[in-house]
Amino acid sequence: MNAIKDEVRIGVSAGKAYEALRRQTGYRGWWNAVAEVPETAGGEAVLRFVKDGKPVNMRFRIDAMNAGESVRWTCTAHDFPSWVGTTLTWTIKPAGKDVVVALDHSGWKEAAPEMVAQGWKHFLGSLKAYLETGTGQPW
């Protein structure tokens, strides 16, 4: 499988979900506590993590932001080279009074790493918690 696809149902409006995927404060609340994320397409997002005591740096170009519908990023630099060139697409779909946020992390040259898929499960749960309670579990 050269893509990671997952989704989460969240009890908020499409507009509120979109704001968490568009604004730096949103990303800091659910994904990366020190993320530097511009709020316009064409900008470069910078994220820093510590994994097993070692820093992991990543950069993404923000390709598209479609209000209330989707956000797409492309990885331009990463301490794990297999990430470079992969794309993250978050799609927001209304589901009654809720929304479903679907993630498609595609473009892997080989099979997508299971560790990354498990990481996305955590972060989608963090996004849900952040939007429904105000407190996520960013790394």
N, C-alpha and C. Protein backbone atom coordinates (compact mmCIF):
# COMPACT_ATOMS: atom_id res chain seq x y z
N MET A 1 0.85 -1.19 0.00
CA MET A 1 0.00 0.00 0.00
C MET A 1 0.89 1.24 0.00
N ASN A 2 0.72 2.10 -1.00
CA ASN A 2 1.54 3.30 -1.11
C ASN A 2 0.83 4.54 -0.58
N ALA A 3 -0.22 4.32 0.18
CA ALA A 3 -0.95 5.43 0.79
C ALA A 3 -1.49 4.99 2.14
N ILE A 4 -1.64 5.98 3.00
CA ILE A 4 -2.29 5.77 4.29
C ILE A 4 -3.60 6.52 4.20
N LYS A 5 -4.69 5.81 4.41
CA LYS A 5 -6.00 6.44 4.39
C LYS A 5 -6.70 6.12 5.70
N ASP A 6 -7.23 7.16 6.32
CA ASP A 6 -7.94 6.98 7.57
C ASP A 6 -8.92 8.13 7.70
N GLU A 7 -9.84 8.00 8.63
CA GLU A 7 -10.80 9.08 8.85
C GLU A 7 -11.33 9.02 10.26
N VAL A 8 -11.90 10.16 10.67
CA VAL A 8 -12.46 10.25 12.01
C VAL A 8 -13.73 11.11 11.94
N ARG A 9 -14.74 10.70 12.66
CA ARG A 9 -15.99 11.46 12.76
C ARG A 9 -15.87 12.39 13.96
N ILE A 10 -16.20 13.66 13.77
CA ILE A 10 -16.01 14.66 14.81
C ILE A 10 -17.30 15.48 14.94
N GLY A 11 -17.71 15.73 16.16
CA GLY A 11 -18.94 16.45 16.44
C GLY A 11 -18.77 17.96 16.38
N VAL A 12 -18.38 18.48 15.21
CA VAL A 12 -18.24 19.92 15.00
C VAL A 12 -18.69 20.25 13.58
N SER A 13 -18.75 21.54 13.28
CA SER A 13 -19.10 21.99 11.93
C SER A 13 -17.89 21.87 11.00
N ALA A 14 -18.16 21.87 9.71
CA ALA A 14 -17.08 21.84 8.72
C ALA A 14 -16.17 23.05 8.88
N GLY A 15 -16.75 24.20 9.19
CA GLY A 15 -15.95 25.41 9.37
C GLY A 15 -14.98 25.30 10.53
N LYS A 16 -15.43 24.73 11.62
CA LYS A 16 -14.55 24.57 12.78
C LYS A 16 -13.43 23.56 12.48
N ALA A 17 -13.78 22.46 11.81
CA ALA A 17 -12.75 21.48 11.43
C ALA A 17 -11.73 22.13 10.50
N TYR A 18 -12.20 22.89 9.55
CA TYR A 18 -11.31 23.56 8.60
C TYR A 18 -10.34 24.50 9.33
N GLU A 19 -10.82 25.22 10.31
CA GLU A 19 -9.94 26.14 11.05
C GLU A 19 -8.80 25.39 11.75
N ALA A 20 -9.07 24.19 12.25
CA ALA A 20 -8.02 23.38 12.90
C ALA A 20 -7.00 22.87 11.90
N LEU A 21 -7.39 22.83 10.61
CA LEU A 21 -6.49 22.37 9.55
C LEU A 21 -5.89 23.54 8.76
N ARG A 22 -6.23 24.75 9.13
CA ARG A 22 -5.78 25.94 8.42
C ARG A 22 -4.88 26.84 9.27
N ARG A 23 -5.08 26.84 10.55
CA ARG A 23 -4.39 27.80 11.42
C ARG A 23 -3.28 27.14 12.23
N GLN A 24 -2.24 27.91 12.47
CA GLN A 24 -1.13 27.43 13.29
C GLN A 24 -1.61 27.00 14.67
N THR A 25 -2.51 27.76 15.27
CA THR A 25 -3.00 27.39 16.61
C THR A 25 -3.69 26.04 16.58
N GLY A 26 -4.37 25.72 15.48
CA GLY A 26 -5.00 24.42 15.36
C GLY A 26 -3.97 23.30 15.34
N TYR A 27 -2.98 23.40 14.47
CA TYR A 27 -1.96 22.36 14.38
C TYR A 27 -1.21 22.19 15.70
N ARG A 28 -0.96 23.32 16.38
CA ARG A 28 -0.28 23.23 17.67
C ARG A 28 -1.16 22.56 18.73
N GLY A 29 -2.46 22.62 18.54
CA GLY A 29 -3.38 22.02 19.49
C GLY A 29 -3.57 20.52 19.32
N TRP A 30 -3.32 20.00 18.11
CA TRP A 30 -3.59 18.57 17.91
C TRP A 30 -2.44 17.77 17.29
N TRP A 31 -1.46 18.43 16.62
CA TRP A 31 -0.43 17.66 15.92
C TRP A 31 0.97 17.90 16.47
N ASN A 32 1.44 19.14 16.40
CA ASN A 32 2.82 19.44 16.79
C ASN A 32 2.85 20.76 17.56
N ALA A 33 3.21 20.68 18.83
CA ALA A 33 3.12 21.83 19.74
C ALA A 33 4.01 23.00 19.33
N VAL A 34 5.01 22.77 18.49
CA VAL A 34 5.90 23.86 18.08
C VAL A 34 5.80 24.14 16.58
N ALA A 35 4.75 23.66 15.94
CA ALA A 35 4.58 23.84 14.50
C ALA A 35 4.59 25.31 14.12
N GLU A 36 5.24 25.59 13.01
CA GLU A 36 5.19 26.92 12.40
C GLU A 36 4.44 26.75 11.09
N VAL A 37 3.19 27.22 11.07
CA VAL A 37 2.32 26.96 9.93
C VAL A 37 1.73 28.27 9.42
N PRO A 38 2.12 28.69 8.21
CA PRO A 38 1.48 29.87 7.63
C PRO A 38 0.03 29.54 7.29
N GLU A 39 -0.78 30.55 7.18
CA GLU A 39 -2.21 30.32 7.00
C GLU A 39 -2.68 30.60 5.58
N THR A 40 -1.75 30.49 4.61
CA THR A 40 -2.10 30.68 3.21
C THR A 40 -1.41 29.63 2.36
N ALA A 41 -2.04 29.29 1.26
CA ALA A 41 -1.43 28.36 0.31
C ALA A 41 -0.15 28.98 -0.24
N GLY A 42 0.82 28.12 -0.52
CA GLY A 42 2.11 28.56 -1.03
C GLY A 42 3.16 28.70 0.06
N GLY A 43 2.74 28.76 1.30
CA GLY A 43 3.67 28.89 2.41
C GLY A 43 4.32 27.56 2.76
N GLU A 44 5.26 27.62 3.69
CA GLU A 44 5.98 26.42 4.12
C GLU A 44 5.74 26.18 5.60
N ALA A 45 5.23 24.99 5.92
CA ALA A 45 5.02 24.59 7.30
C ALA A 45 6.26 23.86 7.80
N VAL A 46 6.68 24.16 9.04
CA VAL A 46 7.84 23.53 9.65
C VAL A 46 7.38 22.87 10.95
N LEU A 47 7.68 21.57 11.08
CA LEU A 47 7.33 20.82 12.29
C LEU A 47 8.58 20.17 12.83
N ARG A 48 8.64 20.08 14.16
CA ARG A 48 9.79 19.45 14.84
C ARG A 48 9.26 18.51 15.91
N PHE A 49 9.77 17.28 15.88
CA PHE A 49 9.39 16.26 16.85
C PHE A 49 10.66 15.71 17.49
N VAL A 50 10.50 15.00 18.59
CA VAL A 50 11.60 14.23 19.17
C VAL A 50 11.10 12.80 19.23
N LYS A 51 11.81 11.90 18.55
CA LYS A 51 11.44 10.48 18.52
C LYS A 51 12.61 9.67 19.02
N ASP A 52 12.38 8.88 20.05
CA ASP A 52 13.43 8.05 20.65
C ASP A 52 14.65 8.90 21.01
N GLY A 53 14.40 10.10 21.52
CA GLY A 53 15.47 10.98 21.97
C GLY A 53 16.18 11.75 20.86
N LYS A 54 15.75 11.57 19.61
CA LYS A 54 16.40 12.24 18.48
C LYS A 54 15.43 13.20 17.82
N PRO A 55 15.91 14.38 17.39
CA PRO A 55 15.02 15.32 16.71
C PRO A 55 14.64 14.82 15.32
N VAL A 56 13.42 15.10 14.95
CA VAL A 56 12.91 14.81 13.61
C VAL A 56 12.33 16.12 13.08
N ASN A 57 12.90 16.61 11.99
CA ASN A 57 12.47 17.86 11.38
C ASN A 57 11.78 17.56 10.07
N MET A 58 10.72 18.31 9.80
CA MET A 58 10.00 18.14 8.54
C MET A 58 9.49 19.47 8.03
N ARG A 59 9.43 19.58 6.71
CA ARG A 59 8.91 20.77 6.05
C ARG A 59 7.90 20.35 4.99
N PHE A 60 6.84 21.14 4.88
CA PHE A 60 5.79 20.88 3.92
C PHE A 60 5.43 22.17 3.19
N ARG A 61 5.21 22.06 1.89
CA ARG A 61 4.64 23.18 1.12
C ARG A 61 3.12 23.07 1.24
N ILE A 62 2.47 24.16 1.54
CA ILE A 62 1.01 24.17 1.61
C ILE A 62 0.50 24.40 0.19
N ASP A 63 -0.03 23.35 -0.42
CA ASP A 63 -0.43 23.40 -1.83
C ASP A 63 -1.80 24.02 -2.05
N ALA A 64 -2.76 23.68 -1.20
CA ALA A 64 -4.13 24.14 -1.42
C ALA A 64 -4.88 24.21 -0.11
N MET A 65 -5.77 25.20 -0.04
CA MET A 65 -6.66 25.36 1.10
C MET A 65 -8.03 25.74 0.54
N ASN A 66 -8.97 24.83 0.61
CA ASN A 66 -10.31 25.06 0.09
C ASN A 66 -11.26 25.19 1.27
N ALA A 67 -11.70 26.39 1.52
CA ALA A 67 -12.47 26.72 2.72
C ALA A 67 -13.57 25.70 3.01
N GLY A 68 -13.51 25.12 4.21
CA GLY A 68 -14.51 24.19 4.68
C GLY A 68 -14.50 22.83 4.01
N GLU A 69 -13.54 22.60 3.09
CA GLU A 69 -13.55 21.36 2.32
C GLU A 69 -12.27 20.54 2.42
N SER A 70 -11.11 21.17 2.21
CA SER A 70 -9.88 20.37 2.17
C SER A 70 -8.63 21.24 2.32
N VAL A 71 -7.55 20.55 2.69
CA VAL A 71 -6.21 21.16 2.79
C VAL A 71 -5.23 20.12 2.25
N ARG A 72 -4.27 20.56 1.43
CA ARG A 72 -3.27 19.63 0.89
C ARG A 72 -1.87 20.20 1.07
N TRP A 73 -0.97 19.35 1.60
CA TRP A 73 0.43 19.69 1.79
C TRP A 73 1.30 18.67 1.05
N THR A 74 2.50 19.10 0.64
CA THR A 74 3.51 18.20 0.08
C THR A 74 4.77 18.30 0.91
N CYS A 75 5.33 17.15 1.29
CA CYS A 75 6.57 17.12 2.07
C CYS A 75 7.75 17.50 1.18
N THR A 76 8.48 18.54 1.56
CA THR A 76 9.63 19.00 0.77
C THR A 76 10.96 18.66 1.43
N ALA A 77 10.96 18.40 2.73
CA ALA A 77 12.19 18.02 3.44
C ALA A 77 11.79 17.27 4.70
N HIS A 78 12.59 16.25 5.03
CA HIS A 78 12.27 15.42 6.20
C HIS A 78 13.52 14.66 6.59
N ASP A 79 13.74 14.48 7.88
CA ASP A 79 14.89 13.70 8.35
C ASP A 79 14.79 12.23 7.95
N PHE A 80 13.57 11.76 7.61
CA PHE A 80 13.38 10.43 7.03
C PHE A 80 13.07 10.65 5.55
N PRO A 81 14.05 10.45 4.67
CA PRO A 81 13.90 10.79 3.25
C PRO A 81 12.70 10.15 2.56
N SER A 82 12.19 9.03 3.05
CA SER A 82 11.04 8.39 2.39
C SER A 82 9.80 9.28 2.40
N TRP A 83 9.74 10.24 3.31
CA TRP A 83 8.61 11.16 3.37
C TRP A 83 8.61 12.17 2.22
N VAL A 84 9.78 12.56 1.74
CA VAL A 84 9.89 13.66 0.77
C VAL A 84 9.12 13.29 -0.50
N GLY A 85 8.25 14.21 -0.91
CA GLY A 85 7.41 14.00 -2.08
C GLY A 85 6.04 13.43 -1.76
N THR A 86 5.83 12.96 -0.53
CA THR A 86 4.51 12.47 -0.16
C THR A 86 3.57 13.65 0.06
N THR A 87 2.29 13.40 -0.09
CA THR A 87 1.30 14.46 0.11
C THR A 87 0.33 14.08 1.22
N LEU A 88 -0.07 15.10 1.95
CA LEU A 88 -1.10 14.98 2.97
C LEU A 88 -2.33 15.71 2.47
N THR A 89 -3.45 15.03 2.38
CA THR A 89 -4.69 15.68 2.00
C THR A 89 -5.72 15.39 3.07
N TRP A 90 -6.22 16.44 3.68
CA TRP A 90 -7.30 16.33 4.65
C TRP A 90 -8.57 16.79 3.94
N THR A 91 -9.60 15.96 3.95
CA THR A 91 -10.86 16.30 3.32
C THR A 91 -11.95 16.30 4.39
N ILE A 92 -12.77 17.33 4.38
CA ILE A 92 -13.83 17.49 5.37
C ILE A 92 -15.17 17.21 4.68
N LYS A 93 -15.92 16.25 5.23
CA LYS A 93 -17.21 15.87 4.64
C LYS A 93 -18.30 16.01 5.70
N PRO A 94 -19.36 16.76 5.42
CA PRO A 94 -20.47 16.83 6.37
C PRO A 94 -21.08 15.45 6.58
N ALA A 95 -21.47 15.18 7.82
CA ALA A 95 -22.11 13.91 8.19
C ALA A 95 -23.18 14.21 9.23
N GLY A 96 -24.33 14.67 8.77
CA GLY A 96 -25.38 15.09 9.70
C GLY A 96 -24.92 16.33 10.44
N LYS A 97 -24.97 16.28 11.77
CA LYS A 97 -24.51 17.41 12.58
C LYS A 97 -23.00 17.38 12.80
N ASP A 98 -22.37 16.31 12.34
CA ASP A 98 -20.93 16.11 12.51
C ASP A 98 -20.22 16.32 11.18
N VAL A 99 -18.91 16.08 11.21
CA VAL A 99 -18.12 16.00 9.99
C VAL A 99 -17.26 14.75 10.06
N VAL A 100 -16.84 14.29 8.91
CA VAL A 100 -15.83 13.26 8.82
C VAL A 100 -14.61 13.92 8.21
N VAL A 101 -13.49 13.84 8.92
CA VAL A 101 -12.23 14.33 8.38
C VAL A 101 -11.46 13.10 7.90
N ALA A 102 -11.22 13.08 6.59
CA ALA A 102 -10.49 11.96 5.98
C ALA A 102 -9.07 12.42 5.68
N LEU A 103 -8.12 11.56 5.98
CA LEU A 103 -6.71 11.81 5.69
C LEU A 103 -6.26 10.85 4.61
N ASP A 104 -5.55 11.38 3.62
CA ASP A 104 -4.91 10.56 2.59
C ASP A 104 -3.45 11.00 2.56
N HIS A 105 -2.56 10.15 3.07
CA HIS A 105 -1.11 10.42 3.04
C HIS A 105 -0.54 9.52 1.95
N SER A 106 -0.36 10.07 0.77
CA SER A 106 -0.02 9.26 -0.40
C SER A 106 1.31 9.68 -1.01
N GLY A 107 1.73 8.88 -2.00
CA GLY A 107 2.95 9.17 -2.73
C GLY A 107 4.18 8.46 -2.22
N TRP A 108 3.99 7.48 -1.33
CA TRP A 108 5.13 6.71 -0.84
C TRP A 108 5.72 5.91 -2.00
N LYS A 109 7.03 5.89 -2.13
CA LYS A 109 7.68 5.13 -3.20
C LYS A 109 7.63 3.63 -2.94
N GLU A 110 7.56 3.25 -1.69
CA GLU A 110 7.40 1.86 -1.29
C GLU A 110 6.18 1.79 -0.39
N ALA A 111 5.94 0.67 0.20
CA ALA A 111 4.80 0.54 1.11
C ALA A 111 4.88 1.59 2.22
N ALA A 112 3.75 2.20 2.49
CA ALA A 112 3.71 3.20 3.56
C ALA A 112 4.07 2.54 4.88
N PRO A 113 4.94 3.18 5.68
CA PRO A 113 5.36 2.57 6.96
C PRO A 113 4.20 2.42 7.95
N GLU A 114 4.09 1.25 8.54
CA GLU A 114 3.04 0.99 9.53
C GLU A 114 3.15 1.95 10.72
N MET A 115 4.38 2.29 11.09
CA MET A 115 4.59 3.22 12.20
C MET A 115 3.94 4.58 11.89
N VAL A 116 4.01 5.02 10.66
CA VAL A 116 3.39 6.29 10.27
C VAL A 116 1.87 6.15 10.31
N ALA A 117 1.35 5.03 9.82
CA ALA A 117 -0.10 4.80 9.87
C ALA A 117 -0.60 4.83 11.31
N GLN A 118 0.13 4.21 12.22
CA GLN A 118 -0.26 4.22 13.63
C GLN A 118 -0.17 5.63 14.21
N GLY A 119 0.85 6.37 13.79
CA GLY A 119 0.97 7.76 14.23
C GLY A 119 -0.23 8.58 13.80
N TRP A 120 -0.69 8.37 12.56
CA TRP A 120 -1.86 9.11 12.10
C TRP A 120 -3.11 8.74 12.87
N LYS A 121 -3.24 7.49 13.28
CA LYS A 121 -4.39 7.11 14.13
C LYS A 121 -4.39 7.95 15.41
N HIS A 122 -3.20 8.08 16.02
CA HIS A 122 -3.08 8.90 17.22
C HIS A 122 -3.48 10.35 16.93
N PHE A 123 -2.92 10.91 15.85
CA PHE A 123 -3.15 12.33 15.59
C PHE A 123 -4.58 12.62 15.13
N LEU A 124 -5.23 11.70 14.43
CA LEU A 124 -6.64 11.91 14.11
C LEU A 124 -7.49 11.88 15.38
N GLY A 125 -7.15 11.00 16.32
CA GLY A 125 -7.82 11.00 17.62
C GLY A 125 -7.56 12.29 18.37
N SER A 126 -6.34 12.81 18.24
CA SER A 126 -5.98 14.08 18.87
C SER A 126 -6.77 15.23 18.26
N LEU A 127 -6.94 15.21 16.93
CA LEU A 127 -7.75 16.23 16.26
C LEU A 127 -9.18 16.20 16.79
N LYS A 128 -9.74 15.01 16.90
CA LYS A 128 -11.11 14.86 17.42
C LYS A 128 -11.20 15.43 18.84
N ALA A 129 -10.27 15.05 19.70
CA ALA A 129 -10.28 15.54 21.08
C ALA A 129 -10.12 17.06 21.12
N TYR A 130 -9.21 17.57 20.32
CA TYR A 130 -8.97 19.02 20.28
C TYR A 130 -10.25 19.76 19.89
N LEU A 131 -10.93 19.28 18.85
CA LEU A 131 -12.12 19.98 18.38
C LEU A 131 -13.31 19.80 19.30
N GLU A 132 -13.45 18.64 19.92
CA GLU A 132 -14.62 18.40 20.76
C GLU A 132 -14.44 18.85 22.20
N THR A 133 -13.21 18.89 22.70
CA THR A 133 -12.99 19.24 24.11
C THR A 133 -12.08 20.43 24.31
N GLY A 134 -11.36 20.84 23.26
CA GLY A 134 -10.41 21.94 23.38
C GLY A 134 -9.01 21.48 23.74
N THR A 135 -8.83 20.17 24.00
CA THR A 135 -7.52 19.65 24.38
C THR A 135 -7.18 18.43 23.55
N GLY A 136 -6.14 18.56 22.71
CA GLY A 136 -5.65 17.43 21.93
C GLY A 136 -4.40 16.85 22.59
N GLN A 137 -3.75 15.95 21.87
CA GLN A 137 -2.51 15.34 22.34
C GLN A 137 -1.41 15.56 21.31
N PRO A 138 -1.01 16.82 21.09
CA PRO A 138 0.05 17.07 20.11
C PRO A 138 1.39 16.55 20.63
N TRP A 139 2.28 16.31 19.72
CA TRP A 139 3.61 15.83 20.08
C TRP A 139 4.56 16.99 20.00
